[in-house]
Each structure stands twice: as C-alpha cells, then as structure tokens.
C-alpha cells in the first residue's frame, strides 16, 4: 500500500528522488564536520569555480550555498580528526577563492521522524 502512495507522490512531482541512508561509522567514517566557508572573491565566476572544485572532493557530502556570515556550508566526513585535517589542508583550503573557514565537529545527531 505504501508503494502506491510513493508512486502517486512521484507522479505529482512532489518526490524529487530517493536516496540510501548509509551508516558513516560502519563505513569507517567516524568524524563529521560542518564547515562554514567565506570566499575571498565575489562574483559568479568565483562561485562557479568553487562549486566545481568542492563537488569533486569525495569527503564533502553536501554543499549548500547560503546567505549569512558564510557563503557555503559544507558537510565533510572523514575517518578521524587527522584524516579531516588532511582533507582540510590539502584539498579544501587550496581551492580557488577560499577565504575564511570555520569548522564545527558533530558530536551527536538526532533524526526526527516526520513527513518532511
């Protein structure tokens, strides 16, 4: 019965897609860090270059272009803090246009069930 509802939602254009929810810790990715990134340069070209470069880094799970203190919010996974530092120093901080970066390490996460 539930699959019928899913198909109706898909047909109505409400469901944009389906995804798998992987257990990062079971994959050996024990650290999740949220990064706030402020670009040093402004403009459409700087945004495009950064977005192309950041999406090529496999440890970066999500890239959100936001309004506020930072230009982007990233969710980055790594094996441990040493691995995260390597990704940050060698891959993220070397990207075109990166200015200020602020890191917040995820301590715990609660997923609330709900319709949205």
PDB file of N, CA and C in Angstrom:
ATOM      1  N   UNK A   1       0.801  -1.194   0.000  1.00  0.00           N
ATOM      2  CA  UNK A   1       0.000   0.000   0.000  1.00  0.00           C
ATOM      3  C   UNK A   1       0.855   1.274   0.000  1.00  0.00           C
ATOM      4  N   UNK A   2       1.915   1.254   0.794  1.00  0.00           N
ATOM      5  CA  UNK A   2       2.754   2.449   0.884  1.00  0.00           C
ATOM      6  C   UNK A   2       3.405   2.761  -0.457  1.00  0.00           C
ATOM      7  N   UNK A   3       3.770   1.741  -1.221  1.00  0.00           N
ATOM      8  CA  UNK A   3       4.404   1.983  -2.520  1.00  0.00           C
ATOM      9  C   UNK A   3       3.468   2.709  -3.463  1.00  0.00           C
ATOM     10  N   UNK A   4       2.150   2.512  -3.308  1.00  0.00           N
ATOM     11  CA  UNK A   4       1.189   3.246  -4.138  1.00  0.00           C
ATOM     12  C   UNK A   4       1.233   4.739  -3.819  1.00  0.00           C
ATOM     13  N   UNK A   5       1.331   5.052  -2.537  1.00  0.00           N
ATOM     14  CA  UNK A   5       1.437   6.465  -2.138  1.00  0.00           C
ATOM     15  C   UNK A   5       2.720   7.086  -2.679  1.00  0.00           C
ATOM     16  N   UNK A   6       3.791   6.316  -2.633  1.00  0.00           N
ATOM     17  CA  UNK A   6       5.068   6.807  -3.148  1.00  0.00           C
ATOM     18  C   UNK A   6       4.944   7.090  -4.639  1.00  0.00           C
ATOM     19  N   UNK A   7       4.341   6.184  -5.358  1.00  0.00           N
ATOM     20  CA  UNK A   7       4.168   6.392  -6.810  1.00  0.00           C
ATOM     21  C   UNK A   7       3.287   7.600  -7.106  1.00  0.00           C
ATOM     22  N   UNK A   8       2.240   7.805  -6.312  1.00  0.00           N
ATOM     23  CA  UNK A   8       1.384   8.991  -6.507  1.00  0.00           C
ATOM     24  C   UNK A   8       2.168  10.273  -6.246  1.00  0.00           C
ATOM     25  N   UNK A   9       2.984  10.275  -5.198  1.00  0.00           N
ATOM     26  CA  UNK A   9       3.809  11.445  -4.898  1.00  0.00           C
ATOM     27  C   UNK A   9       4.818  11.695  -6.018  1.00  0.00           C
ATOM     28  N   UNK A  10       5.397  10.631  -6.555  1.00  0.00           N
ATOM     29  CA  UNK A  10       6.320  10.781  -7.688  1.00  0.00           C
ATOM     30  C   UNK A  10       5.596  11.341  -8.902  1.00  0.00           C
ATOM     31  N   UNK A  11       4.435  10.804  -9.202  1.00  0.00           N
ATOM     32  CA  UNK A  11       3.661  11.252 -10.365  1.00  0.00           C
ATOM     33  C   UNK A  11       3.248  12.714 -10.224  1.00  0.00           C
ATOM     34  N   UNK A  12       2.990  13.155  -8.989  1.00  0.00           N
ATOM     35  CA  UNK A  12       2.581  14.539  -8.746  1.00  0.00           C
ATOM     36  C   UNK A  12       3.779  15.493  -8.732  1.00  0.00           C
ATOM     37  N   UNK A  13       4.995  14.952  -8.825  1.00  0.00           N
ATOM     38  CA  UNK A  13       6.181  15.797  -8.822  1.00  0.00           C
ATOM     39  C   UNK A  13       6.606  16.252  -7.437  1.00  0.00           C
ATOM     40  N   UNK A  14       6.067  15.634  -6.398  1.00  0.00           N
ATOM     41  CA  UNK A  14       6.393  16.014  -5.021  1.00  0.00           C
ATOM     42  C   UNK A  14       7.693  15.351  -4.566  1.00  0.00           C
ATOM     43  N   UNK A  15       7.904  14.085  -4.938  1.00  0.00           N
ATOM     44  CA  UNK A  15       9.148  13.398  -4.599  1.00  0.00           C
ATOM     45  C   UNK A  15      10.184  13.734  -5.656  1.00  0.00           C
ATOM     46  N   UNK A  16      11.283  14.290  -5.215  1.00  0.00           N
ATOM     47  CA  UNK A  16      12.344  14.669  -6.141  1.00  0.00           C
ATOM     48  C   UNK A  16      13.295  13.507  -6.403  1.00  0.00           C
ATOM     49  N   UNK A  17      13.249  12.467  -5.595  1.00  0.00           N
ATOM     50  CA  UNK A  17      14.127  11.319  -5.772  1.00  0.00           C
ATOM     51  C   UNK A  17      14.138  10.454  -4.534  1.00  0.00           C
ATOM     52  N   UNK A  18      14.922   9.422  -4.588  1.00  0.00           N
ATOM     53  CA  UNK A  18      15.075   8.509  -3.447  1.00  0.00           C
ATOM     54  C   UNK A  18      16.559   8.420  -3.135  1.00  0.00           C
ATOM     55  N   UNK A  19      16.868   8.098  -1.880  1.00  0.00           N
ATOM     56  CA  UNK A  19      18.272   8.002  -1.508  1.00  0.00           C
ATOM     57  C   UNK A  19      18.468   6.905  -0.490  1.00  0.00           C
ATOM     58  N   UNK A  20      19.686   6.429  -0.410  1.00  0.00           N
ATOM     59  CA  UNK A  20      20.073   5.463   0.608  1.00  0.00           C
ATOM     60  C   UNK A  20      20.636   6.220   1.787  1.00  0.00           C
ATOM     61  N   UNK A  21      20.362   5.749   2.981  1.00  0.00           N
ATOM     62  CA  UNK A  21      20.905   6.355   4.192  1.00  0.00           C
ATOM     63  C   UNK A  21      21.977   5.416   4.731  1.00  0.00           C
ATOM     64  N   UNK A  22      23.227   5.727   4.424  1.00  0.00           N
ATOM     65  CA  UNK A  22      24.342   4.874   4.823  1.00  0.00           C
ATOM     66  C   UNK A  22      24.830   5.235   6.218  1.00  0.00           C
ATOM     67  N   UNK A  23      25.307   4.251   6.945  1.00  0.00           N
ATOM     68  CA  UNK A  23      25.874   4.458   8.271  1.00  0.00           C
ATOM     69  C   UNK A  23      27.350   4.808   8.094  1.00  0.00           C
ATOM     70  N   UNK A  24      27.690   6.082   8.270  1.00  0.00           N
ATOM     71  CA  UNK A  24      29.060   6.554   8.044  1.00  0.00           C
ATOM     72  C   UNK A  24      30.053   5.836   8.953  1.00  0.00           C
ATOM     73  N   UNK A  25      29.677   5.608  10.205  1.00  0.00           N
ATOM     74  CA  UNK A  25      30.590   4.943  11.139  1.00  0.00           C
ATOM     75  C   UNK A  25      30.881   3.512  10.685  1.00  0.00           C
ATOM     76  N   UNK A  26      29.885   2.807  10.167  1.00  0.00           N
ATOM     77  CA  UNK A  26      30.088   1.444   9.675  1.00  0.00           C
ATOM     78  C   UNK A  26      31.006   1.429   8.458  1.00  0.00           C
ATOM     79  N   UNK A  27      31.074   2.545   7.735  1.00  0.00           N
ATOM     80  CA  UNK A  27      31.963   2.668   6.585  1.00  0.00           C
ATOM     81  C   UNK A  27      33.364   3.132   6.982  1.00  0.00           C
ATOM     82  N   UNK A  28      33.580   3.329   8.289  1.00  0.00           N
ATOM     83  CA  UNK A  28      34.886   3.773   8.765  1.00  0.00           C
ATOM     84  C   UNK A  28      35.046   5.280   8.768  1.00  0.00           C
ATOM     85  N   UNK A  29      33.928   5.998   8.630  1.00  0.00           N
ATOM     86  CA  UNK A  29      33.964   7.463   8.630  1.00  0.00           C
ATOM     87  C   UNK A  29      33.413   7.944   9.969  1.00  0.00           C
ATOM     88  N   UNK A  30      34.301   8.069  10.955  1.00  0.00           N
ATOM     89  CA  UNK A  30      33.889   8.345  12.322  1.00  0.00           C
ATOM     90  C   UNK A  30      33.731   9.807  12.683  1.00  0.00           C
ATOM     91  N   UNK A  31      34.109  10.722  11.787  1.00  0.00           N
ATOM     92  CA  UNK A  31      34.055  12.152  12.096  1.00  0.00           C
ATOM     93  C   UNK A  31      33.244  12.875  11.025  1.00  0.00           C
ATOM     94  N   UNK A  32      32.321  13.712  11.488  1.00  0.00           N
ATOM     95  CA  UNK A  32      31.577  14.598  10.589  1.00  0.00           C
ATOM     96  C   UNK A  32      31.829  16.021  11.042  1.00  0.00           C
ATOM     97  N   UNK A  33      32.184  16.877  10.095  1.00  0.00           N
ATOM     98  CA  UNK A  33      32.487  18.273  10.400  1.00  0.00           C
ATOM     99  C   UNK A  33      31.669  19.162   9.468  1.00  0.00           C
ATOM    100  N   UNK A  34      31.060  20.188  10.044  1.00  0.00           N
ATOM    101  CA  UNK A  34      30.370  21.194   9.251  1.00  0.00           C
ATOM    102  C   UNK A  34      31.315  22.371   9.081  1.00  0.00           C
ATOM    103  N   UNK A  35      31.514  22.780   7.848  1.00  0.00           N
ATOM    104  CA  UNK A  35      32.392  23.910   7.567  1.00  0.00           C
ATOM    105  C   UNK A  35      31.579  25.081   7.053  1.00  0.00           C
ATOM    106  N   UNK A  36      31.867  26.258   7.595  1.00  0.00           N
ATOM    107  CA  UNK A  36      31.359  27.495   7.027  1.00  0.00           C
ATOM    108  C   UNK A  36      32.492  28.084   6.208  1.00  0.00           C
ATOM    109  N   UNK A  37      32.246  28.339   4.932  1.00  0.00           N
ATOM    110  CA  UNK A  37      33.294  28.841   4.036  1.00  0.00           C
ATOM    111  C   UNK A  37      32.873  30.193   3.486  1.00  0.00           C
ATOM    112  N   UNK A  38      33.721  31.175   3.688  1.00  0.00           N
ATOM    113  CA  UNK A  38      33.533  32.504   3.102  1.00  0.00           C
ATOM    114  C   UNK A  38      34.569  32.655   2.004  1.00  0.00           C
ATOM    115  N   UNK A  39      34.109  32.978   0.808  1.00  0.00           N
ATOM    116  CA  UNK A  39      35.030  33.137  -0.310  1.00  0.00           C
ATOM    117  C   UNK A  39      35.742  34.472  -0.229  1.00  0.00           C
ATOM    118  N   UNK A  40      36.994  34.487  -0.675  1.00  0.00           N
ATOM    119  CA  UNK A  40      37.783  35.721  -0.678  1.00  0.00           C
ATOM    120  C   UNK A  40      37.344  36.632  -1.815  1.00  0.00           C
ATOM    121  N   UNK A  41      36.917  36.032  -2.920  1.00  0.00           N
ATOM    122  CA  UNK A  41      36.484  36.809  -4.088  1.00  0.00           C
ATOM    123  C   UNK A  41      34.980  36.657  -4.279  1.00  0.00           C
ATOM    124  N   UNK A  42      34.373  37.649  -4.861  1.00  0.00           N
ATOM    125  CA  UNK A  42      32.931  37.629  -5.131  1.00  0.00           C
ATOM    126  C   UNK A  42      32.696  37.520  -6.622  1.00  0.00           C
ATOM    127  N   UNK A  43      31.487  37.217  -6.967  1.00  0.00           N
ATOM    128  CA  UNK A  43      31.112  37.180  -8.372  1.00  0.00           C
ATOM    129  C   UNK A  43      30.740  35.788  -8.827  1.00  0.00           C
ATOM    130  N   UNK A  44      30.039  35.747  -9.925  1.00  0.00           N
ATOM    131  CA  UNK A  44      29.544  34.488 -10.477  1.00  0.00           C
ATOM    132  C   UNK A  44      30.675  33.527 -10.830  1.00  0.00           C
ATOM    133  N   UNK A  45      31.772  34.058 -11.357  1.00  0.00           N
ATOM    134  CA  UNK A  45      32.905  33.214 -11.737  1.00  0.00           C
ATOM    135  C   UNK A  45      33.514  32.533 -10.518  1.00  0.00           C
ATOM    136  N   UNK A  46      33.706  33.281  -9.432  1.00  0.00           N
ATOM    137  CA  UNK A  46      34.282  32.722  -8.206  1.00  0.00           C
ATOM    138  C   UNK A  46      33.377  31.629  -7.639  1.00  0.00           C
ATOM    139  N   UNK A  47      32.068  31.865  -7.638  1.00  0.00           N
ATOM    140  CA  UNK A  47      31.128  30.875  -7.120  1.00  0.00           C
ATOM    141  C   UNK A  47      31.185  29.601  -7.949  1.00  0.00           C
ATOM    142  N   UNK A  48      31.165  29.743  -9.254  1.00  0.00           N
ATOM    143  CA  UNK A  48      31.190  28.581 -10.136  1.00  0.00           C
ATOM    144  C   UNK A  48      32.459  27.767 -10.000  1.00  0.00           C
ATOM    145  N   UNK A  49      33.592  28.442  -9.941  1.00  0.00           N
ATOM    146  CA  UNK A  49      34.872  27.741  -9.780  1.00  0.00           C
ATOM    147  C   UNK A  49      34.907  26.965  -8.470  1.00  0.00           C
ATOM    148  N   UNK A  50      34.470  27.614  -7.395  1.00  0.00           N
ATOM    149  CA  UNK A  50      34.474  26.952  -6.094  1.00  0.00           C
ATOM    150  C   UNK A  50      33.541  25.745  -6.103  1.00  0.00           C
ATOM    151  N   UNK A  51      32.340  25.907  -6.626  1.00  0.00           N
ATOM    152  CA  UNK A  51      31.365  24.812  -6.637  1.00  0.00           C
ATOM    153  C   UNK A  51      31.868  23.619  -7.447  1.00  0.00           C
ATOM    154  N   UNK A  52      32.470  23.864  -8.604  1.00  0.00           N
ATOM    155  CA  UNK A  52      33.020  22.768  -9.409  1.00  0.00           C
ATOM    156  C   UNK A  52      34.125  22.041  -8.648  1.00  0.00           C
ATOM    157  N   UNK A  53      34.986  22.791  -7.998  1.00  0.00           N
ATOM    158  CA  UNK A  53      36.123  22.194  -7.289  1.00  0.00           C
ATOM    159  C   UNK A  53      35.677  21.444  -6.035  1.00  0.00           C
ATOM    160  N   UNK A  54      34.772  22.016  -5.267  1.00  0.00           N
ATOM    161  CA  UNK A  54      34.384  21.399  -3.995  1.00  0.00           C
ATOM    162  C   UNK A  54      33.585  20.125  -4.207  1.00  0.00           C
ATOM    163  N   UNK A  55      32.782  20.068  -5.258  1.00  0.00           N
ATOM    164  CA  UNK A  55      31.983  18.864  -5.505  1.00  0.00           C
ATOM    165  C   UNK A  55      32.829  17.694  -5.990  1.00  0.00           C
ATOM    166  N   UNK A  56      34.074  17.929  -6.360  1.00  0.00           N
ATOM    167  CA  UNK A  56      34.974  16.858  -6.784  1.00  0.00           C
ATOM    168  C   UNK A  56      35.665  16.174  -5.607  1.00  0.00           C
ATOM    169  N   UNK A  57      35.484  16.693  -4.403  1.00  0.00           N
ATOM    170  CA  UNK A  57      36.123  16.113  -3.216  1.00  0.00           C
ATOM    171  C   UNK A  57      35.158  15.101  -2.606  1.00  0.00           C
ATOM    172  N   UNK A  58      35.504  13.808  -2.602  1.00  0.00           N
ATOM    173  CA  UNK A  58      34.559  12.783  -2.152  1.00  0.00           C
ATOM    174  C   UNK A  58      34.157  12.888  -0.681  1.00  0.00           C
ATOM    175  N   UNK A  59      35.007  13.438   0.162  1.00  0.00           N
ATOM    176  CA  UNK A  59      34.670  13.565   1.589  1.00  0.00           C
ATOM    177  C   UNK A  59      33.605  14.625   1.844  1.00  0.00           C
ATOM    178  N   UNK A  60      33.377  15.505   0.901  1.00  0.00           N
ATOM    179  CA  UNK A  60      32.364  16.554   1.044  1.00  0.00           C
ATOM    180  C   UNK A  60      31.021  15.969   0.634  1.00  0.00           C
ATOM    181  N   UNK A  61      30.150  15.774   1.613  1.00  0.00           N
ATOM    182  CA  UNK A  61      28.855  15.145   1.365  1.00  0.00           C
ATOM    183  C   UNK A  61      27.814  16.121   0.841  1.00  0.00           C
ATOM    184  N   UNK A  62      27.780  17.317   1.417  1.00  0.00           N
ATOM    185  CA  UNK A  62      26.802  18.304   0.969  1.00  0.00           C
ATOM    186  C   UNK A  62      27.471  19.656   0.806  1.00  0.00           C
ATOM    187  N   UNK A  63      26.993  20.399  -0.175  1.00  0.00           N
ATOM    188  CA  UNK A  63      27.453  21.757  -0.440  1.00  0.00           C
ATOM    189  C   UNK A  63      26.197  22.621  -0.507  1.00  0.00           C
ATOM    190  N   UNK A  64      26.080  23.548   0.435  1.00  0.00           N
ATOM    191  CA  UNK A  64      24.912  24.422   0.485  1.00  0.00           C
ATOM    192  C   UNK A  64      25.358  25.867   0.334  1.00  0.00           C
ATOM    193  N   UNK A  65      24.844  26.533  -0.675  1.00  0.00           N
ATOM    194  CA  UNK A  65      25.112  27.959  -0.878  1.00  0.00           C
ATOM    195  C   UNK A  65      24.125  28.699   0.008  1.00  0.00           C
ATOM    196  N   UNK A  66      24.630  29.472   0.963  1.00  0.00           N
ATOM    197  CA  UNK A  66      23.766  30.080   1.979  1.00  0.00           C
ATOM    198  C   UNK A  66      23.951  31.593   2.030  1.00  0.00           C
ATOM    199  N   UNK A  67      23.002  32.237   2.659  1.00  0.00           N
ATOM    200  CA  UNK A  67      23.048  33.673   2.879  1.00  0.00           C
ATOM    201  C   UNK A  67      23.347  33.899   4.355  1.00  0.00           C
ATOM    202  N   UNK A  68      24.305  34.735   4.656  1.00  0.00           N
ATOM    203  CA  UNK A  68      24.651  34.994   6.046  1.00  0.00           C
ATOM    204  C   UNK A  68      26.129  35.227   6.214  1.00  0.00           C
ATOM    205  N   UNK A  69      26.652  34.799   7.343  1.00  0.00           N
ATOM    206  CA  UNK A  69      28.050  35.010   7.677  1.00  0.00           C
ATOM    207  C   UNK A  69      28.987  34.339   6.667  1.00  0.00           C
ATOM    208  N   UNK A  70      28.600  33.161   6.176  1.00  0.00           N
ATOM    209  CA  UNK A  70      29.421  32.419   5.221  1.00  0.00           C
ATOM    210  C   UNK A  70      28.689  32.308   3.893  1.00  0.00           C
ATOM    211  N   UNK A  71      29.452  31.991   2.858  1.00  0.00           N
ATOM    212  CA  UNK A  71      28.878  31.795   1.526  1.00  0.00           C
ATOM    213  C   UNK A  71      28.413  30.359   1.320  1.00  0.00           C
ATOM    214  N   UNK A  72      29.107  29.411   1.961  1.00  0.00           N
ATOM    215  CA  UNK A  72      28.787  27.994   1.806  1.00  0.00           C
ATOM    216  C   UNK A  72      28.825  27.286   3.146  1.00  0.00           C
ATOM    217  N   UNK A  73      27.994  26.266   3.256  1.00  0.00           N
ATOM    218  CA  UNK A  73      28.007  25.363   4.393  1.00  0.00           C
ATOM    219  C   UNK A  73      28.255  23.976   3.830  1.00  0.00           C
ATOM    220  N   UNK A  74      29.286  23.317   4.336  1.00  0.00           N
ATOM    221  CA  UNK A  74      29.674  22.001   3.850  1.00  0.00           C
ATOM    222  C   UNK A  74      29.539  20.966   4.957  1.00  0.00           C
ATOM    223  N   UNK A  75      29.161  19.766   4.575  1.00  0.00           N
ATOM    224  CA  UNK A  75      29.190  18.627   5.495  1.00  0.00           C
ATOM    225  C   UNK A  75      30.299  17.716   4.988  1.00  0.00           C
ATOM    226  N   UNK A  76      31.323  17.504   5.827  1.00  0.00           N
ATOM    227  CA  UNK A  76      32.507  16.744   5.439  1.00  0.00           C
ATOM    228  C   UNK A  76      32.640  15.538   6.369  1.00  0.00           C
ATOM    229  N   UNK A  77      32.906  14.363   5.799  1.00  0.00           N
ATOM    230  CA  UNK A  77      33.138  13.164   6.600  1.00  0.00           C
ATOM    231  C   UNK A  77      34.588  12.732   6.440  1.00  0.00           C
ATOM    232  N   UNK A  78      35.113  12.095   7.494  1.00  0.00           N
ATOM    233  CA  UNK A  78      36.496  11.608   7.472  1.00  0.00           C
ATOM    234  C   UNK A  78      36.625  10.440   8.432  1.00  0.00           C
ATOM    235  N   UNK A  79      37.721   9.703   8.303  1.00  0.00           N
ATOM    236  CA  UNK A  79      37.944   8.561   9.200  1.00  0.00           C
ATOM    237  C   UNK A  79      38.111   9.014  10.643  1.00  0.00           C
ATOM    238  N   UNK A  80      38.891  10.074  10.844  1.00  0.00           N
ATOM    239  CA  UNK A  80      39.167  10.600  12.178  1.00  0.00           C
ATOM    240  C   UNK A  80      39.613  12.054  12.013  1.00  0.00           C
ATOM    241  N   UNK A  81      39.977  12.708  13.106  1.00  0.00           N
ATOM    242  CA  UNK A  81      40.355  14.119  13.025  1.00  0.00           C
ATOM    243  C   UNK A  81      41.625  14.334  12.200  1.00  0.00           C
ATOM    244  N   UNK A  82      42.568  13.403  12.282  1.00  0.00           N
ATOM    245  CA  UNK A  82      43.776  13.514  11.471  1.00  0.00           C
ATOM    246  C   UNK A  82      43.457  13.455   9.983  1.00  0.00           C
ATOM    247  N   UNK A  83      42.554  12.571   9.622  1.00  0.00           N
ATOM    248  CA  UNK A  83      42.131  12.463   8.226  1.00  0.00           C
ATOM    249  C   UNK A  83      41.393  13.730   7.798  1.00  0.00           C
ATOM    250  N   UNK A  84      40.548  14.255   8.687  1.00  0.00           N
ATOM    251  CA  UNK A  84      39.854  15.505   8.365  1.00  0.00           C
ATOM    252  C   UNK A  84      40.850  16.639   8.158  1.00  0.00           C
ATOM    253  N   UNK A  85      41.857  16.721   9.013  1.00  0.00           N
ATOM    254  CA  UNK A  85      42.864  17.778   8.866  1.00  0.00           C
ATOM    255  C   UNK A  85      43.565  17.680   7.515  1.00  0.00           C
ATOM    256  N   UNK A  86      43.856  16.458   7.075  1.00  0.00           N
ATOM    257  CA  UNK A  86      44.476  16.250   5.768  1.00  0.00           C
ATOM    258  C   UNK A  86      43.569  16.758   4.651  1.00  0.00           C
ATOM    259  N   UNK A  87      42.287  16.402   4.710  1.00  0.00           N
ATOM    260  CA  UNK A  87      41.328  16.851   3.691  1.00  0.00           C
ATOM    261  C   UNK A  87      41.219  18.377   3.707  1.00  0.00           C
ATOM    262  N   UNK A  88      41.153  18.951   4.886  1.00  0.00           N
ATOM    263  CA  UNK A  88      41.028  20.398   5.014  1.00  0.00           C
ATOM    264  C   UNK A  88      42.255  21.109   4.437  1.00  0.00           C
ATOM    265  N   UNK A  89      43.440  20.712   4.892  1.00  0.00           N
ATOM    266  CA  UNK A  89      44.668  21.406   4.479  1.00  0.00           C
ATOM    267  C   UNK A  89      45.039  21.180   3.007  1.00  0.00           C
ATOM    268  N   UNK A  90      44.931  19.951   2.567  1.00  0.00           N
ATOM    269  CA  UNK A  90      45.415  19.618   1.222  1.00  0.00           C
ATOM    270  C   UNK A  90      44.384  19.794   0.123  1.00  0.00           C
ATOM    271  N   UNK A  91      43.101  19.721   0.473  1.00  0.00           N
ATOM    272  CA  UNK A  91      42.090  19.758  -0.574  1.00  0.00           C
ATOM    273  C   UNK A  91      41.196  20.989  -0.502  1.00  0.00           C
ATOM    274  N   UNK A  92      40.651  21.275   0.664  1.00  0.00           N
ATOM    275  CA  UNK A  92      39.665  22.358   0.760  1.00  0.00           C
ATOM    276  C   UNK A  92      40.333  23.727   0.781  1.00  0.00           C
ATOM    277  N   UNK A  93      41.328  23.904   1.634  1.00  0.00           N
ATOM    278  CA  UNK A  93      41.969  25.219   1.755  1.00  0.00           C
ATOM    279  C   UNK A  93      42.756  25.627   0.512  1.00  0.00           C
ATOM    280  N   UNK A  94      43.037  24.693  -0.375  1.00  0.00           N
ATOM    281  CA  UNK A  94      43.767  25.008  -1.595  1.00  0.00           C
ATOM    282  C   UNK A  94      42.841  25.330  -2.770  1.00  0.00           C
ATOM    283  N   UNK A  95      41.536  25.287  -2.551  1.00  0.00           N
ATOM    284  CA  UNK A  95      40.586  25.548  -3.632  1.00  0.00           C
ATOM    285  C   UNK A  95      40.584  27.022  -4.021  1.00  0.00           C
ATOM    286  N   UNK A  96      40.210  27.309  -5.265  1.00  0.00           N
ATOM    287  CA  UNK A  96      40.173  28.702  -5.718  1.00  0.00           C
ATOM    288  C   UNK A  96      39.159  29.531  -4.940  1.00  0.00           C
ATOM    289  N   UNK A  97      39.598  30.691  -4.474  1.00  0.00           N
ATOM    290  CA  UNK A  97      38.694  31.646  -3.847  1.00  0.00           C
ATOM    291  C   UNK A  97      38.397  31.445  -2.381  1.00  0.00           C
ATOM    292  N   UNK A  98      38.933  30.396  -1.750  1.00  0.00           N
ATOM    293  CA  UNK A  98      38.618  30.146  -0.339  1.00  0.00           C
ATOM    294  C   UNK A  98      39.246  31.226   0.525  1.00  0.00           C
ATOM    295  N   UNK A  99      38.425  31.835   1.385  1.00  0.00           N
ATOM    296  CA  UNK A  99      38.893  32.851   2.310  1.00  0.00           C
ATOM    297  C   UNK A  99      38.879  32.304   3.723  1.00  0.00           C
ATOM    298  N   UNK A 100      37.834  32.639   4.470  1.00  0.00           N
ATOM    299  CA  UNK A 100      37.688  32.218   5.861  1.00  0.00           C
ATOM    300  C   UNK A 100      36.946  30.886   5.946  1.00  0.00           C
ATOM    301  N   UNK A 101      37.418  30.015   6.855  1.00  0.00           N
ATOM    302  CA  UNK A 101      36.769  28.722   7.071  1.00  0.00           C
ATOM    303  C   UNK A 101      36.578  28.525   8.569  1.00  0.00           C
ATOM    304  N   UNK A 102      35.378  28.124   8.957  1.00  0.00           N
ATOM    305  CA  UNK A 102      35.095  27.802  10.359  1.00  0.00           C
ATOM    306  C   UNK A 102      34.589  26.376  10.430  1.00  0.00           C
ATOM    307  N   UNK A 103      35.133  25.582  11.360  1.00  0.00           N
ATOM    308  CA  UNK A 103      34.763  24.174  11.484  1.00  0.00           C
ATOM    309  C   UNK A 103      33.985  23.931  12.770  1.00  0.00           C
ATOM    310  N   UNK A 104      32.962  23.091  12.662  1.00  0.00           N
ATOM    311  CA  UNK A 104      32.183  22.618  13.803  1.00  0.00           C
ATOM    312  C   UNK A 104      32.093  21.101  13.706  1.00  0.00           C
ATOM    313  N   UNK A 105      32.639  20.405  14.709  1.00  0.00           N
ATOM    314  CA  UNK A 105      32.636  18.947  14.716  1.00  0.00           C
ATOM    315  C   UNK A 105      31.307  18.450  15.281  1.00  0.00           C
ATOM    316  N   UNK A 106      30.686  17.517  14.573  1.00  0.00           N
ATOM    317  CA  UNK A 106      29.424  16.935  15.006  1.00  0.00           C
ATOM    318  C   UNK A 106      29.679  15.993  16.180  1.00  0.00           C
ATOM    319  N   UNK A 107      28.998  16.232  17.301  1.00  0.00           N
ATOM    320  CA  UNK A 107      29.123  15.357  18.464  1.00  0.00           C
ATOM    321  C   UNK A 107      28.057  14.275  18.462  1.00  0.00           C
ATOM    322  N   UNK A 108      26.825  14.645  18.147  1.00  0.00           N
ATOM    323  CA  UNK A 108      25.739  13.679  18.050  1.00  0.00           C
ATOM    324  C   UNK A 108      24.682  14.241  17.114  1.00  0.00           C
ATOM    325  N   UNK A 109      23.835  13.349  16.645  1.00  0.00           N
ATOM    326  CA  UNK A 109      22.800  13.765  15.700  1.00  0.00           C
ATOM    327  C   UNK A 109      21.514  13.006  16.018  1.00  0.00           C
ATOM    328  N   UNK A 110      20.437  13.733  16.053  1.00  0.00           N
ATOM    329  CA  UNK A 110      19.128  13.125  16.294  1.00  0.00           C
ATOM    330  C   UNK A 110      18.296  13.340  15.041  1.00  0.00           C
ATOM    331  N   UNK A 111      17.782  12.259  14.525  1.00  0.00           N
ATOM    332  CA  UNK A 111      16.907  12.362  13.354  1.00  0.00           C
ATOM    333  C   UNK A 111      15.476  12.205  13.823  1.00  0.00           C
ATOM    334  N   UNK A 112      14.685  13.216  13.547  1.00  0.00           N
ATOM    335  CA  UNK A 112      13.294  13.188  13.970  1.00  0.00           C
ATOM    336  C   UNK A 112      12.415  12.651  12.848  1.00  0.00           C
ATOM    337  N   UNK A 113      11.608  11.677  13.159  1.00  0.00           N
ATOM    338  CA  UNK A 113      10.685  11.177  12.130  1.00  0.00           C
ATOM    339  C   UNK A 113       9.617  12.222  11.839  1.00  0.00           C
ATOM    340  N   UNK A 114       9.210  12.274  10.618  1.00  0.00           N
ATOM    341  CA  UNK A 114       8.170  13.227  10.256  1.00  0.00           C
ATOM    342  C   UNK A 114       7.929  13.226   8.770  1.00  0.00           C
ATOM    343  N   UNK A 115       6.910  13.909   8.363  1.00  0.00           N
ATOM    344  CA  UNK A 115       6.542  13.894   6.946  1.00  0.00           C
ATOM    345  C   UNK A 115       7.516  14.648   6.060  1.00  0.00           C
ATOM    346  N   UNK A 116       8.267  15.580   6.627  1.00  0.00           N
ATOM    347  CA  UNK A 116       9.182  16.382   5.799  1.00  0.00           C
ATOM    348  C   UNK A 116      10.591  16.235   6.309  1.00  0.00           C
TER     349      UNK A 116
END
